[in-house]
């Protein structure tokens, strides 16, 4: 079990073939998603407009203003805002889950 961030308000982890999300602040985010229904996970960086312009123009990297975890599913996607997270742990978690998704058998 790999936990990205855990405090009394938010947790996300993978267990027994399911991605489990518990968020007491945003109950609409709470869900248990079967790995079979997930096509991929993505980390989306949000920068301020000025930082975007500087990053594109000069190639400098800035810390993101915020991050979102996008869960791409067969019937759409779900975005979860990540705050106060260790982003390197999030990136490893996304990589691990995407590896599991790529190895699942395709029954089409």
Protein backbone atom coordinates (compact mmCIF):
# COMPACT_ATOMS: atom_id res chain seq x y z
CA UNK A 1 0.00 0.00 0.00
CA UNK A 2 1.48 3.37 -1.08
CA UNK A 3 0.00 6.47 0.51
CA UNK A 4 0.68 9.81 -1.18
CA UNK A 5 -0.58 12.03 1.56
CA UNK A 6 -2.40 11.19 4.71
CA UNK A 7 -3.80 13.47 7.35
CA UNK A 8 -7.20 13.57 9.04
CA UNK A 9 -8.71 15.15 5.90
CA UNK A 10 -7.33 13.34 2.84
CA UNK A 11 -5.83 10.03 1.73
CA UNK A 12 -5.29 8.27 -1.58
CA UNK A 13 -3.82 4.81 -2.02
CA UNK A 14 -3.95 1.60 -4.08
CA UNK A 15 -5.12 -1.63 -2.43
CA UNK A 16 -6.51 -4.95 -3.68
CA UNK A 17 -6.88 -3.77 -7.29
CA UNK A 18 -8.68 -0.54 -6.36
CA UNK A 19 -7.67 3.11 -6.17
CA UNK A 20 -9.16 4.44 -2.92
CA UNK A 21 -9.76 8.15 -2.34
CA UNK A 22 -11.03 9.55 0.96
CA UNK A 23 -11.42 13.31 1.32
CA UNK A 24 -13.48 14.70 4.18
CA UNK A 25 -13.25 18.26 2.80
CA UNK A 26 -14.68 17.34 -0.62
CA UNK A 27 -16.94 14.33 -0.24
CA UNK A 28 -17.58 14.28 -4.01
CA UNK A 29 -13.95 13.13 -4.39
CA UNK A 30 -14.54 10.04 -2.22
CA UNK A 31 -14.52 6.92 -4.31
CA UNK A 32 -13.22 3.42 -4.80
CA UNK A 33 -12.23 2.90 -8.44
CA UNK A 34 -11.53 -0.55 -9.86
CA UNK A 35 -8.18 -0.66 -11.68
CA UNK A 36 -9.99 -2.20 -14.66
CA UNK A 37 -11.89 1.09 -15.17
CA UNK A 38 -8.76 3.29 -15.13
CA UNK A 39 -6.96 3.99 -18.40
CA UNK A 40 -4.18 6.18 -16.93
CA UNK A 41 -3.21 8.69 -14.26
CA UNK A 42 -1.69 12.10 -14.97
CA UNK A 43 -0.20 14.87 -12.85
CA UNK A 44 -1.23 18.30 -14.07
CA UNK A 45 0.81 21.35 -13.01
CA UNK A 46 -0.91 24.72 -12.72
CA UNK A 47 1.27 27.82 -12.94
CA UNK A 48 0.40 31.48 -12.69
CA UNK A 49 0.16 33.26 -16.06
CA UNK A 50 3.42 35.16 -15.46
CA UNK A 51 5.26 31.93 -14.58
CA UNK A 52 3.89 30.23 -17.71
CA UNK A 53 5.16 33.07 -19.90
CA UNK A 54 8.61 33.04 -18.28
CA UNK A 55 8.82 29.23 -18.44
CA UNK A 56 7.93 29.13 -22.14
CA UNK A 57 10.07 32.15 -23.09
CA UNK A 58 13.21 31.43 -21.08
CA UNK A 59 12.88 27.74 -20.27
CA UNK A 60 13.02 28.31 -16.51
CA UNK A 61 11.11 25.98 -14.22
CA UNK A 62 8.99 27.33 -11.39
CA UNK A 63 7.23 25.52 -8.60
CA UNK A 64 3.63 24.93 -9.55
CA UNK A 65 0.90 26.98 -7.95
CA UNK A 66 -1.09 23.78 -7.56
CA UNK A 67 -1.28 20.21 -8.83
CA UNK A 68 -4.14 17.99 -9.93
CA UNK A 69 -4.27 14.25 -10.19
CA UNK A 70 -6.29 13.36 -13.29
CA UNK A 71 -7.75 9.87 -13.38
CA UNK A 72 -8.60 8.96 -16.98
CA UNK A 73 -11.38 6.37 -17.00
CA UNK A 74 -13.31 4.64 -19.73
CA UNK A 75 -16.33 6.90 -19.18
CA UNK A 76 -14.55 10.24 -18.63
CA UNK A 77 -12.10 11.58 -16.09
CA UNK A 78 -11.92 12.73 -12.50
CA UNK A 79 -9.66 15.54 -11.27
CA UNK A 80 -8.48 15.68 -7.67
CA UNK A 81 -6.68 18.75 -6.36
CA UNK A 82 -3.52 17.83 -4.47
CA UNK A 83 -2.28 20.20 -1.78
CA UNK A 84 0.47 19.80 0.78
CA UNK A 85 1.76 16.68 -0.99
CA UNK A 86 5.22 15.36 -1.60
CA UNK A 87 5.13 15.68 -5.40
CA UNK A 88 8.02 13.26 -5.92
CA UNK A 89 5.96 10.62 -4.05
CA UNK A 90 2.95 11.49 -6.21
CA UNK A 91 5.02 11.05 -9.38
CA UNK A 92 6.24 7.63 -8.20
CA UNK A 93 2.68 6.62 -7.28
CA UNK A 94 1.41 7.65 -10.72
CA UNK A 95 4.25 5.74 -12.39
CA UNK A 96 3.51 2.60 -10.34
CA UNK A 97 -0.23 2.69 -11.05
CA UNK A 98 0.33 3.32 -14.76
CA UNK A 99 2.68 0.31 -14.85
CA UNK A 100 -0.02 -1.85 -13.27
CA UNK A 101 -2.59 -0.54 -15.77
CA UNK A 102 -0.28 -1.27 -18.72
CA UNK A 103 0.25 -4.85 -17.52
CA UNK A 104 -3.45 -5.67 -17.08
CA UNK A 105 -4.83 -8.04 -19.73
CA UNK A 106 -6.96 -6.49 -22.46
CA UNK A 107 -10.18 -8.48 -22.92
CA UNK A 108 -11.54 -6.72 -26.01
